[in-house]
Amino acid sequence: MSSKSVDITRLTVADIFRAKEERRRRLAKLPFDQKIVIVNKLRAAVKAIKGEAAIFASFLIACPNFAGEPLKEWDAVDEWYEQRALDSPPHPFDKRPDIIAVTASGKRIGIELKSWINQEHIHEARKQETTQERIQKAIGEQGLNKTRHIGQVWLSPKQVRFYPGDATNFRQQLLTLIKREDIPELDSASWHDVDVVDFPALGKYLNSVRLFSKKRSRSRNWITFPYATRHFSPNTMRATLGDALIVHTRDERYNEDLRVQAGLDEVYLLVHYDFKAFAYNTPFDGPNFGFKEAAEFASTALGGDGGYFDRVFVFHFLWGKDEAYTIFPSFGPCP
């Protein structure tokens, strides 16, 4: 997928997923703030073609016989009744599950999609994004780095709301600090932390400013923020998956009433690792531990109990290689 202007209303599922490997290579080299920009654009594209439908279509490519046989037809629930001129069940049963499908033998199944995410991580990351966006807006256009000794400036923001009325003073004081610290002594050091105590507008919103030597660091985006660090281990995301599965499978909204009202023979749960999970959460993997091991862990976490769901699957579709596993009623590669 090129960087040219794209009409996202014309994108197909194939267009989105054809770009996965290129995206993986590019994202791996980028700082956190730039990753977020790209991921948000991708999320907007997926939303334009119905998020659940896009995810499920990709899942079908990796797992065409997940129901034990091929599908004859399927649609997102919003489209299912309308496209077929069918009377929808009473609310709220007309809005769930996310996907309705009919198999080759005529079995009618519903598939509920859930994202494998840690809401606490997302809340923290979004607060960080908001703060950085407001500071960047206050700084305005950076222009070329015309300093003699500074290669890059890292701002360490406080988690406080930025008041727009401080923007002018913030920018002026930051430029004054940079000019003051643009000294030859920086050439002999990799980096230098500057206290902002002498600059009230900076001190109100920043913990500190770190300056990198131009001899050691050059960047077009030269006034920026430290790369994001996560104070969580991959075990945190694995635990998130285990906890979420227990909650989802016991959700009363998917009990027997749903089957009766929506006319479903079976109901499945599909937990997917998606753009939001990648953008905002810590990774689930580590040395000698990948998605297969995470799926095995998830199956163990269920303890042989799928709750209100007849089958449960996990699906990963970000790194250019889709992986899907059945984790209930038993663990194994998705058929």
Protein backbone atom coordinates (compact mmCIF):
# COMPACT_ATOMS: atom_id res chain seq x y z
CA MET A 1 0.00 0.00 0.00
CA SER A 2 1.61 3.27 -1.06
CA SER A 3 1.72 6.57 0.80
CA LYS A 4 -0.42 8.20 -1.92
CA SER A 5 -3.90 9.45 -1.10
CA VAL A 6 -6.26 6.47 -0.87
CA ASP A 7 -10.05 6.43 -1.03
CA ILE A 8 -10.69 4.23 2.01
CA THR A 9 -14.29 3.69 0.99
CA ARG A 10 -12.98 1.63 -1.94
CA LEU A 11 -10.59 -0.49 0.08
CA THR A 12 -11.20 -4.20 0.20
CA VAL A 13 -10.22 -6.72 2.82
CA ALA A 14 -7.50 -7.92 0.47
CA ASP A 15 -6.07 -4.39 0.20
CA ILE A 16 -5.81 -4.08 3.97
CA PHE A 17 -4.08 -7.38 4.56
CA ARG A 18 -1.82 -7.24 1.49
CA ALA A 19 0.01 -4.40 3.25
CA LYS A 20 0.63 -6.30 6.51
CA GLU A 21 4.22 -7.38 5.90
CA GLU A 22 5.26 -3.93 4.72
CA ARG A 23 3.57 -2.41 7.77
CA ARG A 24 5.34 -4.80 10.12
CA ARG A 25 8.77 -3.85 8.77
CA ARG A 26 8.07 -0.14 8.87
CA LEU A 27 6.46 -0.08 12.31
CA ALA A 28 9.29 -2.04 13.90
CA LYS A 29 11.71 0.81 13.17
CA LEU A 30 9.53 3.72 14.24
CA PRO A 31 9.19 5.50 17.61
CA PHE A 32 5.93 5.11 19.50
CA ASP A 33 4.33 8.39 18.44
CA GLN A 34 4.83 7.65 14.75
CA LYS A 35 3.51 4.10 15.17
CA ILE A 36 0.30 5.52 16.60
CA VAL A 37 -0.24 7.78 13.58
CA ILE A 38 0.07 4.84 11.18
CA VAL A 39 -2.07 2.50 13.26
CA ASN A 40 -4.82 5.11 13.56
CA LYS A 41 -4.92 5.48 9.77
CA LEU A 42 -5.19 1.72 9.38
CA ARG A 43 -7.93 1.58 11.97
CA ALA A 44 -9.88 4.23 10.07
CA ALA A 45 -9.55 2.19 6.89
CA VAL A 46 -10.82 -0.95 8.59
CA LYS A 47 -13.73 0.96 10.09
CA ALA A 48 -14.70 2.19 6.63
CA ILE A 49 -15.28 -1.38 5.46
CA LYS A 50 -16.97 -2.54 8.68
CA GLY A 51 -14.43 -3.59 11.29
CA GLU A 52 -16.03 -6.88 12.32
CA ALA A 53 -16.54 -7.95 8.72
CA ALA A 54 -12.90 -7.23 7.83
CA ILE A 55 -11.58 -9.19 10.78
CA PHE A 56 -13.92 -12.10 10.22
CA ALA A 57 -13.08 -12.25 6.49
CA SER A 58 -9.41 -12.54 7.35
CA PHE A 59 -10.18 -15.18 9.96
CA LEU A 60 -12.02 -17.21 7.29
CA ILE A 61 -8.90 -17.21 5.12
CA ALA A 62 -6.87 -18.67 7.98
CA CYS A 63 -9.65 -20.92 9.26
CA PRO A 64 -12.19 -21.73 6.51
CA ASN A 65 -13.67 -24.78 8.27
CA PHE A 66 -13.84 -23.34 11.79
CA ALA A 67 -17.48 -24.48 12.03
CA GLY A 68 -16.61 -28.03 11.01
CA GLU A 69 -17.71 -27.37 7.43
CA PRO A 70 -17.55 -24.51 4.90
CA LEU A 71 -19.88 -21.54 5.14
CA LYS A 72 -22.59 -20.99 2.56
CA GLU A 73 -23.17 -17.35 3.49
CA TRP A 74 -22.41 -14.85 6.24
CA ASP A 75 -22.76 -11.18 7.11
CA ALA A 76 -22.27 -8.70 9.90
CA VAL A 77 -25.38 -8.63 12.06
CA ASP A 78 -26.25 -5.08 10.90
CA GLU A 79 -26.45 -6.34 7.33
CA TRP A 80 -27.80 -9.83 7.88
CA TYR A 81 -31.49 -8.99 8.32
CA GLU A 82 -31.54 -5.95 6.05
CA GLN A 83 -29.82 -7.58 3.08
CA ARG A 84 -32.12 -10.60 3.23
CA ALA A 85 -35.32 -8.68 3.98
CA LEU A 86 -35.76 -10.70 7.17
CA ASP A 87 -37.61 -9.60 10.27
CA SER A 88 -35.04 -8.93 12.97
CA PRO A 89 -35.56 -10.22 16.51
CA PRO A 90 -36.51 -7.75 19.25
CA HIS A 91 -33.86 -5.47 20.70
CA PRO A 92 -31.18 -6.20 21.93
CA PHE A 93 -31.09 -9.53 20.11
CA ASP A 94 -31.07 -7.70 16.77
CA LYS A 95 -27.56 -6.40 17.51
CA ARG A 96 -25.76 -9.57 18.56
CA PRO A 97 -23.74 -11.55 17.92
CA ASP A 98 -21.42 -9.63 15.55
CA ILE A 99 -21.54 -12.13 12.69
CA ILE A 100 -24.32 -14.47 11.55
CA ALA A 101 -23.52 -17.32 9.16
CA VAL A 102 -25.08 -20.39 7.60
CA THR A 103 -22.97 -23.47 6.92
CA ALA A 104 -23.12 -25.70 3.85
CA SER A 105 -25.45 -28.10 5.67
CA GLY A 106 -27.77 -25.28 6.75
CA LYS A 107 -26.61 -24.88 10.35
CA ARG A 108 -27.06 -21.28 11.52
CA ILE A 109 -24.30 -19.98 13.78
CA GLY A 110 -23.46 -16.70 15.43
CA ILE A 111 -19.92 -15.45 16.04
CA GLU A 112 -19.12 -12.82 18.66
CA LEU A 113 -15.84 -10.93 18.13
CA LYS A 114 -13.85 -9.61 21.08
CA SER A 115 -10.51 -7.76 21.04
CA TRP A 116 -7.64 -9.01 23.20
CA ILE A 117 -6.84 -5.74 24.95
CA ASN A 118 -5.89 -4.38 28.34
CA GLN A 119 -8.10 -1.35 28.99
CA GLU A 120 -5.77 -0.05 31.70
CA HIS A 121 -2.89 0.08 29.23
CA ILE A 122 -5.07 1.78 26.63
CA HIS A 123 -6.21 4.44 29.09
CA GLU A 124 -2.61 5.20 30.05
CA ALA A 125 -1.37 5.29 26.46
CA ARG A 126 -4.20 7.53 25.29
CA LYS A 127 -3.53 10.00 28.09
CA GLN A 128 0.09 10.09 26.96
CA GLU A 129 -0.98 10.66 23.34
CA THR A 130 -3.30 13.50 24.29
CA THR A 131 -0.62 15.27 26.30
CA GLN A 132 1.94 14.90 23.51
CA GLU A 133 -0.48 16.12 20.85
CA ARG A 134 -1.23 19.29 22.81
CA ILE A 135 2.44 20.02 23.38
CA GLN A 136 3.24 19.43 19.71
CA LYS A 137 0.44 21.80 18.76
CA ALA A 138 1.89 24.43 21.11
CA ILE A 139 5.35 24.05 19.55
CA GLY A 140 3.93 24.34 16.06
CA GLU A 141 6.02 23.83 12.95
CA GLN A 142 9.52 22.85 14.03
CA GLY A 143 11.30 23.73 10.83
CA LEU A 144 14.85 22.66 10.13
CA ASN A 145 17.22 22.09 13.02
CA LYS A 146 19.55 25.08 12.78
CA THR A 147 21.38 24.49 16.05
CA ARG A 148 25.12 23.86 15.91
CA HIS A 149 25.47 21.20 18.59
CA ILE A 150 21.99 19.72 19.29
CA GLY A 151 20.84 16.75 17.23
CA GLN A 152 17.57 16.00 18.98
CA VAL A 153 15.45 17.31 21.85
CA TRP A 154 13.40 14.96 24.00
CA LEU A 155 10.57 16.42 26.07
CA SER A 156 9.45 14.49 29.16
CA PRO A 157 5.83 15.62 29.73
CA LYS A 158 3.88 15.61 32.95
CA GLN A 159 0.42 14.05 32.93
CA VAL A 160 -1.43 17.37 33.22
CA ARG A 161 -3.91 19.09 30.94
CA PHE A 162 -2.28 21.63 28.64
CA TYR A 163 -3.93 25.05 28.75
CA PRO A 164 -3.99 26.59 25.23
CA GLY A 165 -3.33 30.04 26.66
CA ASP A 166 0.17 28.88 27.65
CA ALA A 167 1.12 27.84 24.12
CA THR A 168 2.96 31.03 23.14
CA ASN A 169 5.02 31.19 26.34
CA PHE A 170 5.74 27.46 26.16
CA ARG A 171 7.11 27.72 22.63
CA GLN A 172 9.17 30.85 23.35
CA GLN A 173 10.68 29.42 26.51
CA LEU A 174 11.50 26.12 24.83
CA LEU A 175 13.30 27.90 21.99
CA THR A 176 15.14 30.07 24.53
CA LEU A 177 16.25 26.97 26.46
CA ILE A 178 17.46 25.30 23.28
CA LYS A 179 19.40 28.40 22.25
CA ARG A 180 20.97 28.68 25.71
CA GLU A 181 22.03 25.03 25.76
CA ASP A 182 23.42 24.96 22.21
CA ILE A 183 27.01 24.95 23.41
CA PRO A 184 30.21 23.15 22.26
CA GLU A 185 30.40 21.13 25.49
CA LEU A 186 27.49 19.05 24.24
CA ASP A 187 29.69 17.63 21.46
CA SER A 188 31.67 15.58 23.97
CA ALA A 189 28.57 14.00 25.54
CA SER A 190 25.96 11.66 24.11
CA TRP A 191 23.16 13.52 25.86
CA HIS A 192 22.49 16.06 28.59
CA ASP A 193 19.43 16.55 30.83
CA VAL A 194 18.32 20.13 31.41
CA ASP A 195 16.33 21.27 34.43
CA VAL A 196 13.38 23.46 33.46
CA VAL A 197 13.13 25.26 36.80
CA ASP A 198 14.14 28.58 35.19
CA PHE A 199 11.30 28.37 32.70
CA PRO A 200 7.84 28.52 34.39
CA ALA A 201 5.80 27.56 31.32
CA LEU A 202 8.03 24.56 30.66
CA GLY A 203 8.11 23.54 34.31
CA LYS A 204 4.32 23.53 34.38
CA TYR A 205 4.11 20.83 31.70
CA LEU A 206 7.51 19.10 31.54
CA ASN A 207 9.56 17.07 33.97
CA SER A 208 12.78 17.72 32.07
CA VAL A 209 14.33 18.23 28.65
CA ARG A 210 17.03 15.93 27.28
CA LEU A 211 19.40 17.21 24.59
CA PHE A 212 21.32 14.85 22.31
CA SER A 213 24.56 15.79 20.61
CA LYS A 214 24.34 16.51 16.90
CA LYS A 215 27.42 14.34 16.43
CA ARG A 216 25.51 11.35 17.75
CA SER A 217 21.89 11.97 16.83
CA ARG A 218 20.22 13.58 13.83
CA SER A 219 16.50 13.52 13.16
CA ARG A 220 14.02 15.36 10.95
CA ASN A 221 11.54 15.31 13.82
CA TRP A 222 14.13 16.84 16.12
CA ILE A 223 11.88 18.08 18.94
CA THR A 224 10.03 14.99 20.08
CA PHE A 225 9.29 12.67 22.99
CA PRO A 226 11.11 9.66 24.46
CA TYR A 227 10.24 6.32 22.96
CA ALA A 228 7.45 4.73 24.94
CA THR A 229 8.47 2.25 27.58
CA ARG A 230 6.14 -0.28 29.10
CA HIS A 231 6.47 -1.19 32.74
CA PHE A 232 4.62 -4.43 32.17
CA SER A 233 5.87 -7.87 31.25
CA PRO A 234 4.33 -10.00 28.49
CA ASN A 235 2.77 -12.01 31.32
CA THR A 236 0.45 -9.06 31.88
CA MET A 237 -1.11 -9.44 28.43
CA ARG A 238 -1.37 -13.20 28.83
CA ALA A 239 -3.18 -12.71 32.11
CA THR A 240 -5.42 -10.16 30.37
CA LEU A 241 -6.39 -12.80 27.82
CA GLY A 242 -7.12 -15.40 30.50
CA ASP A 243 -9.22 -13.02 32.57
CA ALA A 244 -11.09 -11.69 29.51
CA LEU A 245 -11.97 -15.20 28.36
CA ILE A 246 -13.55 -16.03 31.70
CA VAL A 247 -15.62 -12.83 31.60
CA HIS A 248 -16.66 -13.20 27.96
CA THR A 249 -17.68 -16.84 28.13
CA ARG A 250 -19.90 -16.17 31.14
CA ASP A 251 -21.52 -13.04 29.75
CA GLU A 252 -25.27 -13.44 30.21
CA ARG A 253 -25.94 -11.60 26.95
CA TYR A 254 -24.97 -14.77 25.08
CA ASN A 255 -27.12 -17.19 27.01
CA GLU A 256 -29.83 -19.49 25.67
CA ASP A 257 -32.22 -16.57 25.08
CA LEU A 258 -29.93 -15.29 22.31
CA ARG A 259 -30.03 -18.63 20.51
CA VAL A 260 -33.81 -18.74 20.67
CA GLN A 261 -34.46 -15.12 19.69
CA ALA A 262 -31.89 -15.04 16.86
CA GLY A 263 -32.64 -18.57 15.70
CA LEU A 264 -29.06 -19.81 16.17
CA ASP A 265 -28.00 -23.44 16.34
CA GLU A 266 -24.62 -22.58 17.85
CA VAL A 267 -22.75 -19.52 19.14
CA TYR A 268 -18.96 -19.08 18.88
CA LEU A 269 -16.49 -16.63 20.44
CA LEU A 270 -13.55 -15.24 18.43
CA VAL A 271 -10.91 -13.31 20.39
CA HIS A 272 -8.57 -11.39 18.10
CA TYR A 273 -5.27 -9.56 18.55
CA ASP A 274 -5.75 -6.45 16.44
CA PHE A 275 -4.53 -2.92 15.68
CA LYS A 276 -5.70 -1.52 19.00
CA ALA A 277 -3.95 -4.24 20.97
CA PHE A 278 -0.72 -3.67 19.04
CA ALA A 279 -0.85 0.12 19.31
CA TYR A 280 -1.65 0.46 22.98
CA ASN A 281 -0.76 -2.75 24.78
CA THR A 282 2.45 -4.48 25.72
CA PRO A 283 3.29 -7.54 23.60
CA PHE A 284 2.11 -10.97 24.63
CA ASP A 285 5.18 -12.77 23.29
CA GLY A 286 8.74 -13.23 24.49
CA PRO A 287 11.69 -15.61 24.17
CA ASN A 288 10.44 -19.10 23.25
CA PHE A 289 6.85 -17.91 23.63
CA GLY A 290 4.69 -16.98 20.66
CA PHE A 291 1.05 -16.93 19.66
CA LYS A 292 0.71 -20.72 19.72
CA GLU A 293 1.89 -20.81 23.33
CA ALA A 294 -0.45 -17.91 24.18
CA ALA A 295 -3.33 -19.89 22.66
CA GLU A 296 -2.41 -22.98 24.72
CA PHE A 297 -2.32 -20.77 27.80
CA ALA A 298 -5.78 -19.43 26.92
CA SER A 299 -7.16 -22.94 26.49
CA THR A 300 -5.81 -23.92 29.90
CA ALA A 301 -7.30 -20.75 31.43
CA LEU A 302 -10.77 -21.84 30.27
CA GLY A 303 -10.38 -25.14 32.05
CA GLY A 304 -12.59 -26.98 29.59
CA ASP A 305 -15.53 -24.62 30.15
CA GLY A 306 -16.70 -22.51 27.22
CA GLY A 307 -19.55 -20.98 29.18
CA TYR A 308 -22.33 -19.94 26.81
CA PHE A 309 -20.21 -20.59 23.71
CA ASP A 310 -20.01 -23.84 21.77
CA ARG A 311 -16.56 -23.06 20.39
CA VAL A 312 -13.89 -20.48 21.23
CA PHE A 313 -11.07 -19.32 18.95
CA VAL A 314 -8.13 -16.92 19.15
CA PHE A 315 -6.84 -15.13 16.07
CA HIS A 316 -3.71 -13.07 15.34
CA PHE A 317 -3.40 -11.14 12.09
CA LEU A 318 -0.73 -8.44 12.34
CA TRP A 319 2.70 -9.72 11.40
CA GLY A 320 2.07 -10.97 7.88
CA LYS A 321 1.26 -14.50 9.02
CA ASP A 322 -2.26 -15.16 10.25
CA GLU A 323 -2.55 -17.65 13.08
CA ALA A 324 -5.78 -19.09 14.45
CA TYR A 325 -6.36 -21.74 17.10
CA THR A 326 -9.33 -23.48 18.60
CA ILE A 327 -9.07 -23.24 22.38
CA PHE A 328 -12.44 -24.78 23.25
CA PRO A 329 -13.73 -27.49 23.35
CA SER A 330 -10.12 -28.59 22.87
CA PHE A 331 -6.86 -26.94 21.87
CA GLY A 332 -5.53 -27.26 18.35
CA PRO A 333 -4.78 -25.52 15.04
CA CYS A 334 -7.88 -24.03 13.47
CA PRO A 335 -9.21 -26.28 10.68
